[in-house]
Amino acid sequence: MDVDNDTIVAISTPPGEGGIGIIRLSGSDSLNICSQIFVPSTYLKKYEVGKKISFVPVSKKLYYGFIFDEEGKKVDEVLFSYMKAPFTYTREDIVEINAHGGIVCLNNILNLILKKGARLAEPGEFTKRAFINGRIDLVQAESVLSLIRAKTEKGLRAAMHGLEGKLSGEVKRLRHELALILSDIEVDVDFAHEDLDLDVGSVNDIRQRLININNSMARLLKKRKQGKILQDGLKTVILGKPNVGKSSLYNYLLREERAIVTEIPGTTRDLLIEYVNLKGVPLKLTDTAGFRKEGDKVEKIGMQYSQKAVEDADLLLFMLDASTGVTDEDRWIYNKFNFKEDQRIIIILNKIDLANQVMENEIGDIFPCDKVVEISLLSGDGLEELEGIIVEMFFSGDLYGEEGVLVLEARQGELIKKAAAHIKDALNALNNGMPLDIISIDLRGALDSLGEITGENLDDDVLGIIFSRFCIGK
C-alpha cells in the first residue's frame, strides 16, 4: 500500500480561542514550504520580502520567530520545530508551528502554507501515514482514536495499552501459531500424497493446538463487551413509574441537579442523557419519562422515547417505591418490555427510610432480575453499594490488571468473532475425520481475519472508512 508523496497540513488543535494553536505538516517538502514564511528572530535583519533565507534548523529543536505573509507583513509570533524522518510520528519530515490559538490567526497561517504547495490533510491522515509507513499497526492506530475519546481513567489506560501493542502482540501470536499449524498440515498432506500413513500423534497435536487457540480467542471475545463499555459507555436506563425517585437517582449519579424533581407526576417528559464516571467506568445514563397508563399527549411521546431507550440499554435500573409496595402499575411497566437476553436488570427499592413494604427475597419471583438493592435517596443508604454492584456486574474485578487485552473497537471484535468461528469449524471438521487439506481452508480464513485486525491484509476502502472517523490534524 503506497502513501501519497505530497505534503499535508492541518490545524491540530481544537477550533476556537486558546493560548496556543498548532499547525502540523508532514511530507518531504514540509521544511521547504515553511522556510518561505518563517523567519527566526536571529535572522530578522537579513530578511527581505520574497527571498528565502538560508535557515537550516536542527531536528527536534524549538526556534522562536515570526510568520510573514507575501507582502512582508508579520502574521504571528510563533515557535517553530522541525523533525527529520524517519524518527517522527509519520516517519516523514514533520514541521510544527506553535502559534497563538485564535481562529483568524491560525487560518491565515494555514492559507499561506496551502499557497506554498501543501495539501489540506484528510481526517486521520497523519495517523494513516504512520500506519502505512510501518510505524504502527492498525490496532495501534485505532487505539490513538480511543485515547482521544477516552471518557475515564480506566478507558485511557486501556487505550494506552492498545497503543503500546498489547492486543496487537496477542493477535500476532495467534497468527504465528496458526501459520505453524498450516505448515505442519502441508507436510502431512505431502506425505499423504505419497501413500504414507498420517501420524495419529501429529493429528492429535494439531487438535490440541487448535483448542488452545480457540480458548485464547474466547478470552478475547469475553473482553469485547468490556472494551465497548470503556469506549462508548455502559448504556444505563433508569425506569419506573412516576415519582418513584428516578430523577433523584439520576441527579445523585451525576453529582449535580440536572433533572427537575417535584412531587407532580410526569415532571420528566423527555429523555435526559449524560455521561457519568462511575468508579472509572463510563455510564451513558438516561433518565426516562415515568410510565403510566394515563397521561397527556406530551407524556405519551416521552414514553415512546423511553421505550426505545430501554430496548437499546445494556443495564436497566428498575425502581420501586418500597414504602408503598409493589403495585399493579409496577407490574404493568415491567411486563410492557421484552427484555433481551444480554440485558442486565437491577431492581432498586427506594424510600426504605419511610417504610419497607417489599420483601427483597420475593422480588425475584415478581420481577426476574440480576440483583435487588435497597436504597434511600433521602438518607443515602445503599447508594455506595449500588455503585459497586454496577461495576462488579460488568467487570467482575478483572479489569484492573488486564486492560492490555481489551478489544476496544467493534471492527476488532467482529474480526475476532469471525476468526473464532473458523477455528471452531476446523475443530469440528478434524473431529469428524475430514481431510487436513479441507481443514486448512478454515485455518486460512482465521489467519486472514486476524490479519485484518492489525492491517496486514486490508483493502483501501476499509482503511479509508477507519481513518475517516479521526479528526483532521491527527
Protein backbone atom coordinates (compact mmCIF):
# COMPACT_ATOMS: atom_id res chain seq x y z
CA MET A 1 0.00 0.00 0.00
CA ASP A 2 1.57 3.27 -1.14
CA VAL A 3 1.25 6.63 0.54
CA ASP A 4 0.92 9.91 -1.35
CA ASN A 5 4.20 11.77 -1.80
CA ASP A 6 2.62 15.18 -1.32
CA THR A 7 2.97 17.28 1.83
CA ILE A 8 -0.11 17.61 4.02
CA VAL A 9 -1.04 20.27 6.56
CA ALA A 10 -3.75 20.75 9.18
CA ILE A 11 -4.58 22.66 12.33
CA SER A 12 -4.07 20.02 15.01
CA THR A 13 -5.68 21.83 17.95
CA PRO A 14 -9.45 22.19 18.52
CA PRO A 15 -11.21 25.16 16.89
CA GLY A 16 -11.88 28.23 19.00
CA GLU A 17 -9.83 30.57 21.16
CA GLY A 18 -6.87 29.23 23.11
CA GLY A 19 -3.42 30.12 24.37
CA ILE A 20 -1.72 28.02 21.68
CA GLY A 21 -2.76 26.65 18.30
CA ILE A 22 -0.64 24.08 16.47
CA ILE A 23 -0.29 23.73 12.71
CA ARG A 24 1.31 20.47 11.60
CA LEU A 25 2.84 19.49 8.26
CA SER A 26 4.06 16.07 7.14
CA GLY A 27 5.90 15.23 3.93
CA SER A 28 9.21 15.70 2.17
CA ASP A 29 8.51 19.34 1.29
CA SER A 30 7.49 20.43 4.82
CA LEU A 31 10.69 22.29 5.65
CA ASN A 32 11.00 23.92 2.23
CA ILE A 33 7.41 25.25 2.41
CA CYS A 34 7.72 26.62 5.93
CA SER A 35 11.13 28.18 5.25
CA GLN A 36 9.32 30.51 2.83
CA ILE A 37 7.11 32.00 5.56
CA PHE A 38 9.03 31.53 8.85
CA VAL A 39 11.87 33.79 9.92
CA PRO A 40 13.77 33.06 13.15
CA SER A 41 14.24 36.10 15.37
CA THR A 42 18.02 35.92 14.83
CA TYR A 43 17.52 36.27 11.05
CA LEU A 44 15.22 39.29 11.09
CA LYS A 45 17.93 41.71 9.97
CA LYS A 46 18.68 39.50 6.94
CA TYR A 47 15.05 39.10 5.93
CA GLU A 48 13.91 40.54 2.57
CA VAL A 49 10.39 40.22 1.16
CA GLY A 50 10.14 37.46 -1.43
CA LYS A 51 13.56 35.99 -0.66
CA LYS A 52 14.09 32.68 1.08
CA ILE A 53 16.54 32.82 3.99
CA SER A 54 19.33 30.26 4.40
CA PHE A 55 17.97 28.87 7.64
CA VAL A 56 18.74 25.18 8.33
CA PRO A 57 17.08 24.09 11.60
CA VAL A 58 18.36 21.29 13.82
CA SER A 59 15.87 18.43 14.17
CA LYS A 60 13.76 18.38 17.35
CA LYS A 61 14.77 21.88 18.43
CA LEU A 62 12.39 24.82 19.03
CA TYR A 63 13.03 28.13 17.28
CA TYR A 64 11.46 31.47 18.17
CA GLY A 65 10.47 33.70 15.29
CA PHE A 66 7.71 35.16 13.10
CA ILE A 67 5.43 34.17 10.24
CA PHE A 68 5.43 36.65 7.34
CA ASP A 69 2.88 36.91 4.53
CA GLU A 70 3.68 37.52 0.83
CA GLU A 71 3.72 41.29 1.36
CA GLY A 72 6.27 41.07 4.16
CA LYS A 73 3.80 41.73 6.97
CA LYS A 74 4.08 39.84 10.27
CA VAL A 75 1.21 37.40 10.69
CA ASP A 76 2.10 35.96 14.11
CA GLU A 77 4.82 35.40 16.65
CA VAL A 78 5.48 31.64 16.83
CA LEU A 79 7.63 28.73 17.96
CA PHE A 80 8.86 26.54 15.09
CA SER A 81 10.09 22.94 15.23
CA TYR A 82 11.39 20.57 12.57
CA MET A 83 11.52 16.78 13.00
CA LYS A 84 13.50 14.83 10.44
CA ALA A 85 12.33 11.48 9.06
CA PRO A 86 12.24 8.65 9.95
CA PHE A 87 12.17 9.45 13.68
CA THR A 88 8.74 11.12 13.63
CA TYR A 89 5.08 10.23 14.15
CA THR A 90 4.53 9.61 10.42
CA ARG A 91 8.12 8.55 9.58
CA GLU A 92 8.14 11.57 7.25
CA ASP A 93 9.61 15.03 7.74
CA ILE A 94 7.34 16.96 10.09
CA VAL A 95 7.12 20.66 10.89
CA GLU A 96 5.01 22.07 13.72
CA ILE A 97 4.22 25.74 14.17
CA ASN A 98 3.04 26.76 17.65
CA ALA A 99 1.05 29.94 17.07
CA HIS A 100 -1.49 31.89 19.09
CA GLY A 101 -4.75 29.98 19.30
CA GLY A 102 -7.17 32.27 17.50
CA ILE A 103 -9.27 31.17 14.54
CA VAL A 104 -8.24 34.06 12.24
CA CYS A 105 -4.57 33.79 13.11
CA LEU A 106 -4.35 30.03 12.53
CA ASN A 107 -6.36 30.17 9.32
CA ASN A 108 -4.10 32.92 7.94
CA ILE A 109 -1.01 30.76 8.53
CA LEU A 110 -2.76 27.68 7.14
CA ASN A 111 -3.73 29.53 3.95
CA LEU A 112 -0.16 30.75 3.47
CA ILE A 113 1.12 27.17 3.71
CA LEU A 114 -1.53 25.92 1.27
CA LYS A 115 -0.47 28.60 -1.24
CA LYS A 116 3.12 27.39 -0.98
CA GLY A 117 2.16 23.90 -2.15
CA ALA A 118 0.91 21.85 0.79
CA ARG A 119 -2.41 20.00 0.68
CA LEU A 120 -5.04 20.08 3.43
CA ALA A 121 -4.90 16.78 5.31
CA GLU A 122 -7.86 14.42 5.32
CA PRO A 123 -9.32 13.22 8.65
CA GLY A 124 -6.80 10.92 10.36
CA GLU A 125 -4.28 11.21 7.54
CA PHE A 126 -1.27 11.77 9.82
CA THR A 127 -2.05 8.54 11.70
CA LYS A 128 -2.86 6.80 8.41
CA ARG A 129 0.64 7.68 7.15
CA ALA A 130 2.12 6.38 10.41
CA PHE A 131 0.34 3.07 9.71
CA ILE A 132 1.23 2.87 6.01
CA ASN A 133 4.87 3.74 6.72
CA GLY A 134 5.08 0.90 9.25
CA ARG A 135 5.47 2.88 12.45
CA ILE A 136 2.28 1.45 13.98
CA ASP A 137 -0.18 -1.31 13.07
CA LEU A 138 -3.92 -0.81 12.63
CA VAL A 139 -4.82 -1.77 16.21
CA GLN A 140 -2.38 0.86 17.49
CA ALA A 141 -3.81 3.41 15.05
CA GLU A 142 -7.34 2.74 16.33
CA SER A 143 -6.01 2.99 19.89
CA VAL A 144 -4.96 6.58 19.11
CA LEU A 145 -8.63 7.37 18.45
CA SER A 146 -9.67 5.51 21.62
CA LEU A 147 -7.09 7.52 23.55
CA ILE A 148 -8.54 10.79 22.29
CA ARG A 149 -12.12 9.72 23.06
CA ALA A 150 -11.45 8.10 26.45
CA LYS A 151 -14.12 9.11 28.99
CA THR A 152 -12.49 7.78 32.18
CA GLU A 153 -9.04 6.95 33.56
CA LYS A 154 -9.64 3.23 33.01
CA GLY A 155 -10.63 3.84 29.39
CA LEU A 156 -7.49 5.93 28.94
CA ARG A 157 -5.29 3.16 30.37
CA ALA A 158 -6.95 0.54 28.17
CA ALA A 159 -6.36 2.67 25.06
CA MET A 160 -2.76 3.27 26.12
CA HIS A 161 -2.17 -0.47 26.42
CA GLY A 162 -3.58 -0.87 22.92
CA LEU A 163 -1.25 1.84 21.64
CA GLU A 164 1.68 0.04 23.28
CA GLY A 165 0.80 -3.07 21.26
CA LYS A 166 -0.64 -5.42 23.90
CA LEU A 167 -3.62 -6.53 21.78
CA SER A 168 -1.51 -6.49 18.62
CA GLY A 169 1.00 -8.79 20.28
CA GLU A 170 -1.72 -11.29 21.21
CA VAL A 171 -3.19 -11.23 17.69
CA LYS A 172 0.24 -11.70 16.12
CA ARG A 173 0.96 -14.59 18.49
CA LEU A 174 -2.25 -16.33 17.41
CA ARG A 175 -1.43 -15.74 13.73
CA HIS A 176 2.04 -17.21 14.26
CA GLU A 177 0.54 -20.31 15.91
CA LEU A 178 -1.91 -20.74 13.02
CA ALA A 179 0.86 -20.33 10.46
CA LEU A 180 2.88 -23.07 12.18
CA ILE A 181 -0.14 -25.41 12.18
CA LEU A 182 -0.75 -24.75 8.48
CA SER A 183 2.90 -25.50 7.80
CA ASP A 184 2.63 -28.83 9.63
CA ILE A 185 -0.58 -29.68 7.75
CA GLU A 186 1.12 -29.07 4.41
CA VAL A 187 3.87 -31.53 5.39
CA ASP A 188 1.26 -34.15 6.40
CA VAL A 189 -0.68 -33.62 3.17
CA ASP A 190 2.51 -34.11 1.16
CA PHE A 191 3.13 -37.42 2.95
CA ALA A 192 -0.47 -38.46 2.27
CA HIS A 193 0.10 -37.92 -1.47
CA GLU A 194 2.97 -40.38 -1.25
CA ASP A 195 0.58 -43.00 0.18
CA LEU A 196 2.20 -42.84 3.61
CA ASP A 197 0.03 -43.18 6.71
CA LEU A 198 -0.65 -39.96 8.64
CA ASP A 199 0.81 -39.85 12.11
CA VAL A 200 -2.13 -40.02 14.56
CA GLY A 201 0.00 -38.28 17.15
CA SER A 202 0.53 -35.30 14.86
CA VAL A 203 -3.23 -35.02 14.23
CA ASN A 204 -3.89 -35.06 17.99
CA ASP A 205 -1.18 -32.43 18.41
CA ILE A 206 -2.87 -30.19 15.83
CA ARG A 207 -6.20 -30.70 17.59
CA GLN A 208 -4.75 -29.61 20.97
CA ARG A 209 -3.05 -26.58 19.46
CA LEU A 210 -6.33 -25.52 17.85
CA ILE A 211 -8.12 -25.95 21.19
CA ASN A 212 -5.53 -23.65 22.80
CA ILE A 213 -6.06 -21.03 20.09
CA ASN A 214 -9.83 -21.35 20.46
CA ASN A 215 -9.53 -20.75 24.24
CA SER A 216 -7.39 -17.64 23.65
CA MET A 217 -9.97 -16.23 21.25
CA ALA A 218 -12.76 -16.96 23.73
CA ARG A 219 -10.92 -14.86 26.33
CA LEU A 220 -10.58 -12.00 23.84
CA LEU A 221 -14.28 -12.18 22.96
CA LYS A 222 -15.16 -12.07 26.66
CA LYS A 223 -13.28 -8.76 26.84
CA ARG A 224 -15.15 -7.40 23.83
CA LYS A 225 -18.14 -6.21 25.88
CA GLN A 226 -15.91 -4.54 28.47
CA GLY A 227 -13.90 -2.73 25.82
CA LYS A 228 -17.08 -1.43 24.18
CA ILE A 229 -18.28 -0.13 27.55
CA LEU A 230 -15.00 1.69 28.21
CA GLN A 231 -15.13 3.33 24.81
CA ASP A 232 -18.83 4.07 24.29
CA GLY A 233 -20.15 3.98 27.85
CA LEU A 234 -22.44 1.49 29.60
CA LYS A 235 -25.92 2.33 28.26
CA THR A 236 -27.87 2.59 31.50
CA VAL A 237 -31.57 3.44 31.69
CA ILE A 238 -33.48 4.35 34.86
CA LEU A 239 -37.01 3.00 34.59
CA GLY A 240 -40.15 3.03 36.72
CA LYS A 241 -43.47 4.67 37.45
CA PRO A 242 -43.76 8.42 38.13
CA ASN A 243 -42.50 9.78 41.47
CA VAL A 244 -40.54 6.65 42.35
CA GLY A 245 -37.24 8.59 42.53
CA LYS A 246 -35.80 8.18 39.02
CA SER A 247 -34.72 11.79 38.60
CA SER A 248 -33.31 11.90 42.15
CA LEU A 249 -31.16 8.85 41.38
CA TYR A 250 -30.13 10.43 38.08
CA ASN A 251 -29.02 13.59 39.90
CA TYR A 252 -27.17 11.56 42.54
CA LEU A 253 -25.16 9.58 39.98
CA LEU A 254 -24.37 12.79 38.08
CA ARG A 255 -23.42 14.58 41.33
CA GLU A 256 -25.41 17.59 40.14
CA GLU A 257 -29.02 18.79 39.93
CA ARG A 258 -29.58 18.00 36.27
CA ALA A 259 -33.15 16.64 36.35
CA ILE A 260 -36.11 18.55 37.84
CA VAL A 261 -37.51 16.78 40.91
CA THR A 262 -41.09 17.52 42.09
CA GLU A 263 -43.98 15.61 43.62
CA ILE A 264 -46.01 16.22 40.43
CA PRO A 265 -46.28 13.08 38.23
CA GLY A 266 -44.90 13.47 34.71
CA THR A 267 -42.22 16.08 35.53
CA THR A 268 -39.70 14.34 33.24
CA ARG A 269 -41.16 14.26 29.73
CA ASP A 270 -38.08 13.94 27.52
CA LEU A 271 -35.00 11.74 27.77
CA LEU A 272 -32.15 13.20 29.81
CA ILE A 273 -28.80 11.71 28.75
CA GLU A 274 -25.40 12.37 30.33
CA TYR A 275 -22.08 10.52 30.72
CA VAL A 276 -21.15 9.57 34.29
CA ASN A 277 -17.77 8.40 35.60
CA LEU A 278 -18.73 5.60 37.99
CA LYS A 279 -15.60 4.31 39.76
CA GLY A 280 -13.69 4.57 36.48
CA VAL A 281 -16.45 3.04 34.33
CA PRO A 282 -18.29 5.42 31.95
CA LEU A 283 -22.09 5.22 32.14
CA LYS A 284 -24.22 6.66 29.38
CA LEU A 285 -27.03 7.41 31.81
CA THR A 286 -30.62 8.01 30.67
CA ASP A 287 -33.46 9.28 32.85
CA THR A 288 -36.79 8.34 31.29
CA ALA A 289 -40.31 9.70 31.47
CA GLY A 290 -42.32 7.80 34.08
CA PHE A 291 -44.56 5.15 32.55
CA ARG A 292 -48.27 5.28 33.34
CA LYS A 293 -51.41 4.22 31.50
CA GLU A 294 -52.96 7.67 31.55
CA GLY A 295 -51.09 10.83 30.62
CA ASP A 296 -51.26 13.77 28.24
CA LYS A 297 -50.01 13.78 24.64
CA VAL A 298 -46.54 15.07 25.52
CA GLU A 299 -46.07 12.41 28.23
CA LYS A 300 -47.04 9.67 25.78
CA ILE A 301 -44.41 10.88 23.29
CA GLY A 302 -41.87 10.86 26.12
CA MET A 303 -42.84 7.27 26.97
CA GLN A 304 -42.27 6.25 23.34
CA TYR A 305 -38.74 7.68 23.53
CA SER A 306 -38.25 5.87 26.81
CA GLN A 307 -39.31 2.57 25.30
CA LYS A 308 -36.66 2.90 22.54
CA ALA A 309 -34.00 3.73 25.16
CA VAL A 310 -34.92 0.62 27.15
CA GLU A 311 -34.62 -1.57 24.05
CA ASP A 312 -31.07 -0.29 23.40
CA ALA A 313 -29.86 -0.43 27.02
CA ASP A 314 -27.09 -2.63 28.46
CA LEU A 315 -28.29 -2.08 32.04
CA LEU A 316 -31.77 -1.31 33.38
CA LEU A 317 -32.26 0.22 36.82
CA PHE A 318 -35.92 -0.60 37.54
CA MET A 319 -37.09 1.45 40.53
CA LEU A 320 -39.86 0.56 43.00
CA ASP A 321 -41.28 2.52 45.93
CA ALA A 322 -40.52 0.35 48.96
CA SER A 323 -42.84 2.45 51.14
CA THR A 324 -45.95 1.52 49.13
CA GLY A 325 -45.02 -1.98 47.99
CA VAL A 326 -45.38 -3.47 44.53
CA THR A 327 -48.34 -2.05 42.62
CA ASP A 328 -50.25 -3.11 39.52
CA GLU A 329 -48.66 -0.14 37.78
CA ASP A 330 -45.18 -1.53 38.55
CA ARG A 331 -46.15 -4.90 37.10
CA TRP A 332 -47.69 -3.26 34.04
CA ILE A 333 -44.49 -1.29 33.34
CA TYR A 334 -42.18 -4.29 33.80
CA ASN A 335 -44.32 -6.56 31.61
CA LYS A 336 -44.50 -3.90 28.92
CA PHE A 337 -40.99 -4.82 27.74
CA ASN A 338 -39.45 -7.88 26.16
CA PHE A 339 -36.01 -7.62 27.77
CA LYS A 340 -33.14 -9.03 25.72
CA GLU A 341 -31.10 -11.94 26.98
CA ASP A 342 -27.88 -9.92 27.28
CA GLN A 343 -29.53 -7.03 29.17
CA ARG A 344 -28.82 -6.84 32.89
CA ILE A 345 -31.53 -5.70 35.31
CA ILE A 346 -31.14 -4.31 38.82
CA ILE A 347 -34.31 -3.82 40.86
CA ILE A 348 -33.93 -0.80 43.15
CA LEU A 349 -36.16 -0.49 46.22
CA ASN A 350 -36.18 3.22 47.04
CA LYS A 351 -37.56 5.08 50.10
CA ILE A 352 -36.62 2.39 52.63
CA ASP A 353 -36.24 5.25 55.14
CA LEU A 354 -40.06 5.69 55.14
CA ALA A 355 -41.06 2.04 55.33
CA ASN A 356 -40.30 -1.18 53.55
CA GLN A 357 -43.41 -2.95 52.38
CA VAL A 358 -41.48 -5.17 49.96
CA MET A 359 -39.69 -8.41 50.89
CA GLU A 360 -36.41 -8.44 48.99
CA ASN A 361 -36.41 -12.23 48.60
CA GLU A 362 -39.84 -12.10 46.92
CA ILE A 363 -38.89 -9.53 44.28
CA GLY A 364 -37.15 -12.04 42.02
CA ASP A 365 -40.36 -14.04 41.70
CA ILE A 366 -42.31 -10.95 40.62
CA PHE A 367 -39.61 -9.24 38.52
CA PRO A 368 -36.89 -11.57 37.16
CA CYS A 369 -33.62 -9.67 37.60
CA ASP A 370 -29.89 -9.97 38.29
CA LYS A 371 -29.83 -8.11 41.60
CA VAL A 372 -32.07 -6.38 44.14
CA VAL A 373 -30.73 -3.33 46.02
CA GLU A 374 -32.40 -1.38 48.82
CA ILE A 375 -31.64 2.36 48.92
CA SER A 376 -32.81 5.65 50.33
CA LEU A 377 -32.05 8.65 48.18
CA LEU A 378 -33.01 10.85 51.12
CA SER A 379 -30.60 9.35 53.67
CA GLY A 380 -28.04 7.96 51.20
CA ASP A 381 -28.34 4.38 52.46
CA GLY A 382 -27.38 1.73 49.89
CA LEU A 383 -26.12 4.13 47.22
CA GLU A 384 -22.43 3.20 47.54
CA GLU A 385 -23.44 -0.46 47.40
CA LEU A 386 -25.44 0.18 44.22
CA GLU A 387 -22.45 1.80 42.51
CA GLY A 388 -20.20 -1.13 43.45
CA ILE A 389 -22.72 -3.67 42.18
CA ILE A 390 -22.94 -1.96 38.77
CA VAL A 391 -19.15 -2.00 38.30
CA GLU A 392 -18.81 -5.58 39.57
CA MET A 393 -21.67 -6.79 37.36
CA PHE A 394 -19.89 -5.82 34.15
CA PHE A 395 -16.23 -6.11 35.10
CA SER A 396 -16.12 -8.66 37.93
CA GLY A 397 -12.97 -7.03 39.31
CA ASP A 398 -10.83 -8.35 36.44
CA LEU A 399 -10.45 -5.08 34.55
CA TYR A 400 -7.72 -3.73 36.76
CA GLY A 401 -4.89 -5.98 35.65
CA GLU A 402 -5.90 -6.81 32.07
CA GLU A 403 -6.55 -3.58 30.19
CA GLY A 404 -3.92 -4.66 27.67
CA VAL A 405 -6.11 -7.36 26.11
CA LEU A 406 -9.33 -5.36 25.91
CA VAL A 407 -10.92 -5.20 22.45
CA LEU A 408 -11.85 -1.53 22.14
CA GLU A 409 -13.18 -1.37 18.57
CA ALA A 410 -16.29 -3.05 17.15
CA ARG A 411 -14.31 -3.87 13.99
CA GLN A 412 -11.72 -5.76 16.00
CA GLY A 413 -14.38 -7.69 17.90
CA GLU A 414 -16.21 -8.74 14.74
CA LEU A 415 -12.99 -10.00 13.16
CA ILE A 416 -12.02 -11.97 16.28
CA LYS A 417 -15.53 -13.47 16.29
CA LYS A 418 -15.13 -14.39 12.62
CA ALA A 419 -11.71 -15.96 13.22
CA ALA A 420 -13.05 -17.91 16.22
CA ALA A 421 -15.88 -19.29 14.06
CA HIS A 422 -13.30 -20.55 11.53
CA ILE A 423 -11.32 -22.26 14.32
CA LYS A 424 -14.46 -23.96 15.69
CA ASP A 425 -15.35 -25.18 12.18
CA ALA A 426 -11.82 -26.52 11.76
CA LEU A 427 -12.02 -28.38 15.07
CA ASN A 428 -15.41 -29.88 14.19
CA ALA A 429 -14.08 -30.99 10.81
CA LEU A 430 -11.00 -32.52 12.45
CA ASN A 431 -13.14 -34.40 14.99
CA ASN A 432 -15.32 -35.70 12.15
CA GLY A 433 -12.30 -37.12 10.33
CA MET A 434 -12.23 -34.62 7.46
CA PRO A 435 -9.01 -34.44 5.38
CA LEU A 436 -6.39 -31.98 6.61
CA ASP A 437 -6.33 -30.05 3.34
CA ILE A 438 -10.04 -29.29 3.81
CA ILE A 439 -9.42 -28.21 7.41
CA SER A 440 -6.66 -25.87 6.23
CA ILE A 441 -9.27 -23.78 4.35
CA ASP A 442 -10.86 -22.70 7.65
CA LEU A 443 -7.46 -22.12 9.20
CA ARG A 444 -6.52 -19.78 6.36
CA GLY A 445 -9.83 -17.97 6.86
CA ALA A 446 -8.96 -17.45 10.54
CA LEU A 447 -5.47 -16.30 9.57
CA ASP A 448 -6.89 -13.73 7.13
CA SER A 449 -9.41 -12.42 9.69
CA LEU A 450 -6.70 -11.92 12.30
CA GLY A 451 -4.54 -10.23 9.68
CA GLU A 452 -7.31 -7.70 9.03
CA ILE A 453 -7.25 -6.72 12.72
CA THR A 454 -3.65 -5.47 12.56
CA GLY A 455 -3.99 -4.31 8.95
CA GLU A 456 -1.68 -6.90 7.37
CA ASN A 457 -4.30 -7.65 4.71
CA LEU A 458 -6.84 -4.89 4.24
CA ASP A 459 -8.18 -3.05 1.19
CA ASP A 460 -8.02 0.71 0.70
CA ASP A 461 -11.79 1.23 1.02
CA VAL A 462 -11.93 -0.28 4.53
CA LEU A 463 -8.82 1.67 5.51
CA GLY A 464 -10.45 4.90 4.35
CA ILE A 465 -13.55 4.22 6.44
CA ILE A 466 -11.46 3.54 9.56
CA PHE A 467 -9.42 6.74 9.35
CA SER A 468 -12.38 8.91 8.33
CA ARG A 469 -13.52 8.70 11.98
CA PHE A 470 -10.43 10.61 13.12
CA CYS A 471 -10.32 14.38 13.47
CA ILE A 472 -8.40 16.44 10.93
CA GLY A 473 -4.89 17.05 12.22
CA LYS A 474 -4.37 13.66 13.89
